[in-house]
Amino acid sequence: MPSFDIVSEVDKQEVKNAVEQANKEVSTRFDFKGTDARVEQADYVLTVYADNEFQLDQAQEVLNNKLIKRTVDIKCLEIGKVEKITGNKVKRSVTVKTGVEIELAKKIVKEIKDSKLKVQASIQGETVRVTGAKRDLLQDAIALVRKQIADFPLQFQNFRD
């Protein structure tokens, strides 16, 4: 039976490259001269540091631009609140979300069932597997999910006949 998986993945190496490029640009920009502005990465958690909130927003914008250029969808970023460190220095944590969350997976399954397409959707960990009798039905299901879920980056992988 033909099937495919709906996943949400981010290339960790591309995120690392974007962080390195953002740090390089921040270190050479005139408006960041003599400041402690930087971006640090620990797995899928990025921490943006700066001397004040304005510079923090500017560093965040540089990071977002670099992520976009590296084809990382910034809709998967969960931007945290601004935290004070010492004196005027501030930081913000940014989490890169991977995997389809349970609520979103349930929403995808519900949308597919409500569409009356002759396909079955099941949640398998952080992926949603869709199976059907014909390839055309699966392509219709992909089009439906793309149209319904536009606020979160999804990929359709493992398409098998």
N, C-alpha and C. Protein backbone atom coordinates (compact mmCIF):
# COMPACT_ATOMS: atom_id res chain seq x y z
N MET A 1 0.83 -1.19 0.00
CA MET A 1 0.00 0.00 0.00
C MET A 1 0.88 1.25 0.00
N PRO A 2 0.59 2.19 -0.85
CA PRO A 2 1.38 3.43 -0.88
C PRO A 2 1.25 4.22 0.43
N SER A 3 2.33 4.86 0.83
CA SER A 3 2.31 5.64 2.06
C SER A 3 3.36 6.73 2.01
N PHE A 4 3.24 7.71 2.92
CA PHE A 4 4.26 8.73 3.11
C PHE A 4 4.20 9.22 4.55
N ASP A 5 5.25 9.90 4.97
CA ASP A 5 5.33 10.43 6.33
C ASP A 5 5.32 11.95 6.30
N ILE A 6 4.61 12.54 7.26
CA ILE A 6 4.63 13.99 7.45
C ILE A 6 5.54 14.26 8.64
N VAL A 7 6.62 15.00 8.41
CA VAL A 7 7.60 15.27 9.47
C VAL A 7 7.92 16.76 9.50
N SER A 8 8.61 17.16 10.54
CA SER A 8 9.13 18.53 10.63
C SER A 8 10.56 18.41 11.12
N GLU A 9 11.50 18.57 10.20
CA GLU A 9 12.91 18.43 10.54
C GLU A 9 13.69 19.67 10.13
N VAL A 10 14.76 19.91 10.87
CA VAL A 10 15.65 21.03 10.58
C VAL A 10 17.06 20.45 10.50
N ASP A 11 17.80 20.84 9.48
CA ASP A 11 19.18 20.38 9.32
C ASP A 11 20.06 21.07 10.35
N LYS A 12 20.58 20.29 11.28
CA LYS A 12 21.38 20.83 12.38
C LYS A 12 22.65 21.52 11.88
N GLN A 13 23.25 20.99 10.83
CA GLN A 13 24.47 21.59 10.29
C GLN A 13 24.18 22.96 9.69
N GLU A 14 23.03 23.11 9.03
CA GLU A 14 22.66 24.42 8.48
C GLU A 14 22.43 25.44 9.59
N VAL A 15 21.84 25.00 10.70
CA VAL A 15 21.65 25.89 11.85
C VAL A 15 23.01 26.32 12.39
N LYS A 16 23.94 25.37 12.50
CA LYS A 16 25.28 25.69 12.99
C LYS A 16 25.98 26.68 12.07
N ASN A 17 25.87 26.46 10.75
CA ASN A 17 26.48 27.38 9.79
C ASN A 17 25.88 28.78 9.90
N ALA A 18 24.56 28.85 10.08
CA ALA A 18 23.89 30.15 10.20
C ALA A 18 24.34 30.87 11.47
N VAL A 19 24.52 30.13 12.56
CA VAL A 19 24.99 30.74 13.81
C VAL A 19 26.41 31.29 13.63
N GLU A 20 27.26 30.52 12.96
CA GLU A 20 28.63 30.98 12.72
C GLU A 20 28.65 32.23 11.84
N GLN A 21 27.81 32.25 10.81
CA GLN A 21 27.75 33.42 9.93
C GLN A 21 27.20 34.63 10.68
N ALA A 22 26.20 34.41 11.54
CA ALA A 22 25.63 35.52 12.31
C ALA A 22 26.68 36.08 13.26
N ASN A 23 27.43 35.21 13.92
CA ASN A 23 28.49 35.68 14.82
C ASN A 23 29.55 36.47 14.06
N LYS A 24 29.89 36.01 12.87
CA LYS A 24 30.89 36.70 12.06
C LYS A 24 30.40 38.10 11.68
N GLU A 25 29.12 38.19 11.26
CA GLU A 25 28.59 39.50 10.87
C GLU A 25 28.47 40.43 12.08
N VAL A 26 28.02 39.90 13.21
CA VAL A 26 27.89 40.72 14.42
C VAL A 26 29.25 41.25 14.87
N SER A 27 30.29 40.42 14.74
CA SER A 27 31.62 40.86 15.18
C SER A 27 32.22 41.92 14.26
N THR A 28 31.76 42.00 13.01
CA THR A 28 32.34 42.98 12.08
C THR A 28 31.47 44.21 11.87
N ARG A 29 30.22 44.18 12.31
CA ARG A 29 29.35 45.34 12.09
C ARG A 29 29.74 46.51 12.99
N PHE A 30 29.62 47.70 12.44
CA PHE A 30 30.03 48.91 13.15
C PHE A 30 29.18 49.15 14.40
N ASP A 31 27.88 48.92 14.31
CA ASP A 31 27.01 49.20 15.46
C ASP A 31 27.17 48.20 16.60
N PHE A 32 27.93 47.12 16.39
CA PHE A 32 28.21 46.17 17.46
C PHE A 32 29.67 46.26 17.96
N LYS A 33 30.44 47.25 17.50
CA LYS A 33 31.84 47.38 17.91
C LYS A 33 31.91 47.61 19.43
N GLY A 34 32.77 46.85 20.07
CA GLY A 34 32.99 47.01 21.51
C GLY A 34 31.88 46.45 22.38
N THR A 35 30.98 45.66 21.80
CA THR A 35 29.90 45.07 22.59
C THR A 35 30.15 43.57 22.74
N ASP A 36 29.33 42.96 23.56
CA ASP A 36 29.43 41.53 23.81
C ASP A 36 28.30 40.78 23.10
N ALA A 37 27.91 41.24 21.93
CA ALA A 37 26.83 40.62 21.19
C ALA A 37 27.34 39.35 20.50
N ARG A 38 26.59 38.26 20.68
CA ARG A 38 26.97 36.98 20.08
C ARG A 38 25.79 36.01 20.13
N VAL A 39 25.92 34.91 19.40
CA VAL A 39 24.93 33.84 19.40
C VAL A 39 25.65 32.55 19.74
N GLU A 40 25.13 31.82 20.72
CA GLU A 40 25.71 30.53 21.09
C GLU A 40 24.70 29.43 20.80
N GLN A 41 25.24 28.25 20.45
CA GLN A 41 24.37 27.13 20.12
C GLN A 41 24.68 25.95 21.02
N ALA A 42 23.62 25.34 21.57
CA ALA A 42 23.72 24.10 22.32
C ALA A 42 22.63 23.18 21.77
N ASP A 43 23.00 22.30 20.85
CA ASP A 43 22.07 21.41 20.17
C ASP A 43 21.03 22.23 19.41
N TYR A 44 19.75 22.15 19.76
CA TYR A 44 18.73 22.92 19.06
C TYR A 44 18.28 24.14 19.86
N VAL A 45 19.08 24.55 20.84
CA VAL A 45 18.78 25.75 21.63
C VAL A 45 19.85 26.80 21.33
N LEU A 46 19.41 27.94 20.82
CA LEU A 46 20.31 29.04 20.50
C LEU A 46 20.11 30.11 21.56
N THR A 47 21.20 30.75 21.99
CA THR A 47 21.12 31.83 22.96
C THR A 47 21.76 33.07 22.35
N VAL A 48 20.99 34.15 22.31
CA VAL A 48 21.47 35.41 21.74
C VAL A 48 21.81 36.34 22.90
N TYR A 49 23.04 36.85 22.92
CA TYR A 49 23.51 37.76 23.98
C TYR A 49 23.75 39.14 23.38
N ALA A 50 23.52 40.18 24.20
CA ALA A 50 23.81 41.55 23.77
C ALA A 50 23.91 42.45 24.99
N ASP A 51 24.33 43.70 24.76
CA ASP A 51 24.49 44.66 25.85
C ASP A 51 23.18 45.32 26.25
N ASN A 52 22.23 45.44 25.32
CA ASN A 52 20.92 46.02 25.65
C ASN A 52 19.88 45.38 24.74
N GLU A 53 18.60 45.71 24.99
CA GLU A 53 17.52 45.07 24.25
C GLU A 53 17.51 45.44 22.77
N PHE A 54 17.87 46.68 22.45
CA PHE A 54 17.92 47.09 21.05
C PHE A 54 18.94 46.24 20.28
N GLN A 55 20.14 46.10 20.85
CA GLN A 55 21.17 45.29 20.19
C GLN A 55 20.76 43.82 20.15
N LEU A 56 20.04 43.38 21.17
CA LEU A 56 19.56 42.00 21.18
C LEU A 56 18.60 41.76 20.01
N ASP A 57 17.71 42.71 19.78
CA ASP A 57 16.79 42.59 18.64
C ASP A 57 17.54 42.62 17.32
N GLN A 58 18.57 43.48 17.22
CA GLN A 58 19.37 43.55 16.00
C GLN A 58 20.12 42.23 15.76
N ALA A 59 20.70 41.66 16.81
CA ALA A 59 21.41 40.39 16.68
C ALA A 59 20.44 39.28 16.30
N GLN A 60 19.24 39.31 16.86
CA GLN A 60 18.21 38.32 16.52
C GLN A 60 17.83 38.44 15.04
N GLU A 61 17.73 39.66 14.55
CA GLU A 61 17.40 39.89 13.14
C GLU A 61 18.50 39.36 12.23
N VAL A 62 19.76 39.57 12.62
CA VAL A 62 20.88 39.04 11.84
C VAL A 62 20.80 37.52 11.80
N LEU A 63 20.54 36.90 12.96
CA LEU A 63 20.42 35.44 13.03
C LEU A 63 19.28 34.94 12.13
N ASN A 64 18.13 35.60 12.21
CA ASN A 64 16.99 35.19 11.38
C ASN A 64 17.33 35.27 9.89
N ASN A 65 18.00 36.35 9.48
CA ASN A 65 18.38 36.50 8.07
C ASN A 65 19.33 35.39 7.64
N LYS A 66 20.29 35.05 8.49
CA LYS A 66 21.24 33.99 8.14
C LYS A 66 20.54 32.64 8.07
N LEU A 67 19.58 32.40 8.97
CA LEU A 67 18.83 31.14 8.92
C LEU A 67 18.02 31.04 7.63
N ILE A 68 17.41 32.15 7.23
CA ILE A 68 16.62 32.15 5.99
C ILE A 68 17.52 31.87 4.79
N LYS A 69 18.71 32.49 4.76
CA LYS A 69 19.64 32.26 3.65
C LYS A 69 20.12 30.81 3.61
N ARG A 70 20.17 30.14 4.76
CA ARG A 70 20.61 28.75 4.84
C ARG A 70 19.43 27.79 4.68
N THR A 71 18.30 28.27 4.21
CA THR A 71 17.07 27.50 3.96
C THR A 71 16.52 26.82 5.22
N VAL A 72 16.66 27.48 6.36
CA VAL A 72 16.03 27.00 7.59
C VAL A 72 14.78 27.86 7.79
N ASP A 73 13.63 27.23 7.87
CA ASP A 73 12.37 27.97 8.00
C ASP A 73 12.28 28.56 9.41
N ILE A 74 12.14 29.87 9.51
CA ILE A 74 12.13 30.50 10.82
C ILE A 74 10.78 30.35 11.53
N LYS A 75 9.80 29.73 10.87
CA LYS A 75 8.54 29.44 11.55
C LYS A 75 8.74 28.37 12.62
N CYS A 76 9.85 27.64 12.55
CA CYS A 76 10.11 26.60 13.54
C CYS A 76 10.85 27.15 14.76
N LEU A 77 11.10 28.45 14.80
CA LEU A 77 11.79 29.05 15.95
C LEU A 77 10.78 29.44 17.03
N GLU A 78 11.11 29.08 18.26
CA GLU A 78 10.32 29.50 19.41
C GLU A 78 11.18 30.48 20.20
N ILE A 79 10.85 31.77 20.07
CA ILE A 79 11.68 32.82 20.66
C ILE A 79 11.23 33.07 22.09
N GLY A 80 12.17 32.98 23.03
CA GLY A 80 11.86 33.16 24.44
C GLY A 80 11.85 34.63 24.85
N LYS A 81 11.68 34.83 26.14
CA LYS A 81 11.63 36.19 26.68
C LYS A 81 13.04 36.71 26.92
N VAL A 82 13.14 38.03 27.02
CA VAL A 82 14.41 38.69 27.30
C VAL A 82 14.72 38.52 28.79
N GLU A 83 15.94 38.07 29.09
CA GLU A 83 16.37 37.90 30.48
C GLU A 83 17.57 38.80 30.75
N LYS A 84 17.58 39.44 31.91
CA LYS A 84 18.73 40.26 32.31
C LYS A 84 19.79 39.35 32.90
N ILE A 85 21.06 39.64 32.57
CA ILE A 85 22.15 38.84 33.13
C ILE A 85 22.80 39.64 34.25
N THR A 86 23.70 40.55 33.89
CA THR A 86 24.34 41.42 34.87
C THR A 86 24.38 42.83 34.30
N GLY A 87 24.11 43.79 35.14
CA GLY A 87 24.15 45.18 34.67
C GLY A 87 23.14 45.40 33.57
N ASN A 88 23.61 45.84 32.42
CA ASN A 88 22.73 46.08 31.28
C ASN A 88 22.64 44.88 30.34
N LYS A 89 23.49 43.89 30.52
CA LYS A 89 23.56 42.76 29.58
C LYS A 89 22.28 41.92 29.63
N VAL A 90 21.84 41.50 28.45
CA VAL A 90 20.61 40.71 28.33
C VAL A 90 20.87 39.50 27.42
N LYS A 91 19.97 38.52 27.53
CA LYS A 91 20.04 37.34 26.66
C LYS A 91 18.63 36.87 26.36
N ARG A 92 18.51 36.09 25.29
CA ARG A 92 17.24 35.51 24.88
C ARG A 92 17.52 34.12 24.35
N SER A 93 16.72 33.16 24.77
CA SER A 93 16.89 31.81 24.24
C SER A 93 15.91 31.60 23.09
N VAL A 94 16.40 30.92 22.06
CA VAL A 94 15.61 30.62 20.87
C VAL A 94 15.70 29.11 20.67
N THR A 95 14.55 28.45 20.68
CA THR A 95 14.50 27.00 20.51
C THR A 95 14.07 26.67 19.09
N VAL A 96 14.83 25.78 18.45
CA VAL A 96 14.48 25.31 17.12
C VAL A 96 13.63 24.06 17.30
N LYS A 97 12.34 24.16 16.94
CA LYS A 97 11.42 23.04 17.14
C LYS A 97 11.57 22.04 16.02
N THR A 98 11.70 20.78 16.39
CA THR A 98 11.76 19.69 15.42
C THR A 98 10.71 18.65 15.80
N GLY A 99 10.24 17.93 14.83
CA GLY A 99 9.22 16.93 15.08
C GLY A 99 7.84 17.54 15.09
N VAL A 100 6.86 16.74 14.75
CA VAL A 100 5.47 17.19 14.76
C VAL A 100 4.93 16.99 16.17
N GLU A 101 4.53 18.08 16.81
CA GLU A 101 4.00 17.99 18.17
C GLU A 101 2.67 17.26 18.18
N ILE A 102 2.30 16.71 19.33
CA ILE A 102 1.09 15.89 19.44
C ILE A 102 -0.17 16.65 19.02
N GLU A 103 -0.30 17.91 19.49
CA GLU A 103 -1.50 18.68 19.14
C GLU A 103 -1.60 18.88 17.62
N LEU A 104 -0.47 19.22 17.00
CA LEU A 104 -0.45 19.43 15.56
C LEU A 104 -0.73 18.11 14.83
N ALA A 105 -0.16 17.01 15.32
CA ALA A 105 -0.39 15.71 14.70
C ALA A 105 -1.87 15.34 14.77
N LYS A 106 -2.50 15.60 15.91
CA LYS A 106 -3.93 15.32 16.04
C LYS A 106 -4.75 16.18 15.09
N LYS A 107 -4.33 17.44 14.93
CA LYS A 107 -5.03 18.34 14.01
C LYS A 107 -4.89 17.84 12.57
N ILE A 108 -3.70 17.38 12.18
CA ILE A 108 -3.48 16.86 10.83
C ILE A 108 -4.34 15.62 10.59
N VAL A 109 -4.37 14.70 11.55
CA VAL A 109 -5.17 13.49 11.41
C VAL A 109 -6.65 13.84 11.28
N LYS A 110 -7.11 14.80 12.10
CA LYS A 110 -8.52 15.22 12.05
C LYS A 110 -8.85 15.85 10.70
N GLU A 111 -7.97 16.70 10.19
CA GLU A 111 -8.21 17.33 8.88
C GLU A 111 -8.31 16.29 7.77
N ILE A 112 -7.44 15.29 7.82
CA ILE A 112 -7.45 14.25 6.79
C ILE A 112 -8.73 13.42 6.89
N LYS A 113 -9.14 13.08 8.11
CA LYS A 113 -10.37 12.30 8.27
C LYS A 113 -11.60 13.09 7.87
N ASP A 114 -11.62 14.39 8.19
CA ASP A 114 -12.78 15.23 7.84
C ASP A 114 -12.89 15.48 6.34
N SER A 115 -11.78 15.30 5.61
CA SER A 115 -11.79 15.57 4.17
C SER A 115 -12.48 14.47 3.37
N LYS A 116 -12.78 13.34 4.00
CA LYS A 116 -13.45 12.20 3.36
C LYS A 116 -12.60 11.55 2.26
N LEU A 117 -11.27 11.83 2.28
CA LEU A 117 -10.38 11.12 1.36
C LEU A 117 -10.24 9.68 1.85
N LYS A 118 -10.04 8.77 0.93
CA LYS A 118 -9.93 7.36 1.31
C LYS A 118 -8.48 7.03 1.66
N VAL A 119 -7.98 7.70 2.69
CA VAL A 119 -6.65 7.46 3.22
C VAL A 119 -6.74 7.36 4.74
N GLN A 120 -5.75 6.70 5.33
CA GLN A 120 -5.69 6.58 6.78
C GLN A 120 -4.46 7.32 7.28
N ALA A 121 -4.63 8.06 8.35
CA ALA A 121 -3.52 8.79 8.96
C ALA A 121 -3.34 8.27 10.38
N SER A 122 -2.09 8.03 10.75
CA SER A 122 -1.81 7.56 12.12
C SER A 122 -0.58 8.28 12.65
N ILE A 123 -0.59 8.53 13.95
CA ILE A 123 0.52 9.22 14.60
C ILE A 123 1.53 8.16 15.03
N GLN A 124 2.79 8.37 14.64
CA GLN A 124 3.86 7.45 15.01
C GLN A 124 5.01 8.28 15.58
N GLY A 125 4.98 8.51 16.88
CA GLY A 125 6.01 9.32 17.53
C GLY A 125 5.89 10.76 17.11
N GLU A 126 6.94 11.28 16.45
CA GLU A 126 6.94 12.67 16.00
C GLU A 126 6.64 12.79 14.51
N THR A 127 6.06 11.73 13.93
CA THR A 127 5.67 11.76 12.52
C THR A 127 4.22 11.34 12.39
N VAL A 128 3.63 11.68 11.25
CA VAL A 128 2.28 11.22 10.92
C VAL A 128 2.40 10.42 9.64
N ARG A 129 2.00 9.15 9.69
CA ARG A 129 2.05 8.30 8.50
C ARG A 129 0.68 8.27 7.85
N VAL A 130 0.66 8.50 6.54
CA VAL A 130 -0.57 8.48 5.78
C VAL A 130 -0.47 7.35 4.76
N THR A 131 -1.48 6.47 4.75
CA THR A 131 -1.50 5.36 3.80
C THR A 131 -2.82 5.42 3.02
N GLY A 132 -2.76 4.95 1.79
CA GLY A 132 -3.95 4.93 0.94
C GLY A 132 -3.80 3.91 -0.16
N ALA A 133 -4.89 3.66 -0.87
CA ALA A 133 -4.88 2.64 -1.91
C ALA A 133 -4.20 3.12 -3.19
N LYS A 134 -4.31 4.42 -3.47
CA LYS A 134 -3.76 4.94 -4.72
C LYS A 134 -2.85 6.13 -4.46
N ARG A 135 -1.91 6.28 -5.34
CA ARG A 135 -0.95 7.38 -5.26
C ARG A 135 -1.65 8.74 -5.38
N ASP A 136 -2.65 8.84 -6.22
CA ASP A 136 -3.37 10.10 -6.42
C ASP A 136 -4.04 10.57 -5.13
N LEU A 137 -4.58 9.63 -4.36
CA LEU A 137 -5.21 9.99 -3.08
C LEU A 137 -4.18 10.56 -2.10
N LEU A 138 -2.99 9.99 -2.12
CA LEU A 138 -1.93 10.49 -1.24
C LEU A 138 -1.50 11.89 -1.66
N GLN A 139 -1.43 12.14 -2.96
CA GLN A 139 -1.09 13.47 -3.44
C GLN A 139 -2.16 14.49 -3.07
N ASP A 140 -3.42 14.06 -3.10
CA ASP A 140 -4.51 14.93 -2.66
C ASP A 140 -4.38 15.23 -1.16
N ALA A 141 -3.98 14.23 -0.39
CA ALA A 141 -3.79 14.42 1.05
C ALA A 141 -2.65 15.41 1.32
N ILE A 142 -1.57 15.32 0.55
CA ILE A 142 -0.45 16.26 0.70
C ILE A 142 -0.93 17.68 0.40
N ALA A 143 -1.69 17.85 -0.68
CA ALA A 143 -2.20 19.17 -1.05
C ALA A 143 -3.12 19.71 0.05
N LEU A 144 -3.94 18.85 0.63
CA LEU A 144 -4.85 19.26 1.70
C LEU A 144 -4.07 19.74 2.92
N VAL A 145 -3.07 18.97 3.34
CA VAL A 145 -2.29 19.33 4.53
C VAL A 145 -1.51 20.62 4.28
N ARG A 146 -0.95 20.78 3.08
CA ARG A 146 -0.23 22.03 2.77
C ARG A 146 -1.14 23.24 2.86
N LYS A 147 -2.39 23.07 2.42
CA LYS A 147 -3.33 24.18 2.43
C LYS A 147 -3.82 24.49 3.85
N GLN A 148 -4.06 23.47 4.65
CA GLN A 148 -4.62 23.64 5.99
C GLN A 148 -3.59 24.08 7.03
N ILE A 149 -2.38 23.54 6.96
CA ILE A 149 -1.34 23.82 7.96
C ILE A 149 -0.27 24.68 7.30
N ALA A 150 -0.43 26.00 7.40
CA ALA A 150 0.52 26.91 6.77
C ALA A 150 1.43 27.59 7.78
N ASP A 151 1.13 27.45 9.07
CA ASP A 151 1.88 28.18 10.09
C ASP A 151 3.01 27.38 10.70
N PHE A 152 3.27 26.16 10.21
CA PHE A 152 4.35 25.34 10.75
C PHE A 152 5.02 24.62 9.59
N PRO A 153 6.36 24.58 9.55
CA PRO A 153 7.05 23.95 8.42
C PRO A 153 6.94 22.42 8.46
N LEU A 154 6.35 21.85 7.44
CA LEU A 154 6.20 20.40 7.35
C LEU A 154 6.88 19.90 6.08
N GLN A 155 7.44 18.70 6.17
CA GLN A 155 8.02 18.05 5.00
C GLN A 155 7.30 16.71 4.81
N PHE A 156 7.23 16.29 3.57
CA PHE A 156 6.58 15.04 3.22
C PHE A 156 7.65 14.10 2.69
N GLN A 157 7.94 13.05 3.46
CA GLN A 157 9.06 12.19 3.14
C GLN A 157 8.61 10.74 3.04
N ASN A 158 9.54 9.90 2.61
CA ASN A 158 9.36 8.46 2.62
C ASN A 158 8.16 8.03 1.78
N PHE A 159 7.97 8.67 0.64
CA PHE A 159 6.83 8.34 -0.24
C PHE A 159 7.11 6.99 -0.89
N ARG A 160 6.24 6.01 -0.64
CA ARG A 160 6.45 4.66 -1.18
C ARG A 160 5.22 4.19 -1.92
N ASP A 161 5.47 3.46 -3.01
CA ASP A 161 4.37 2.86 -3.77
C ASP A 161 4.12 1.45 -3.30
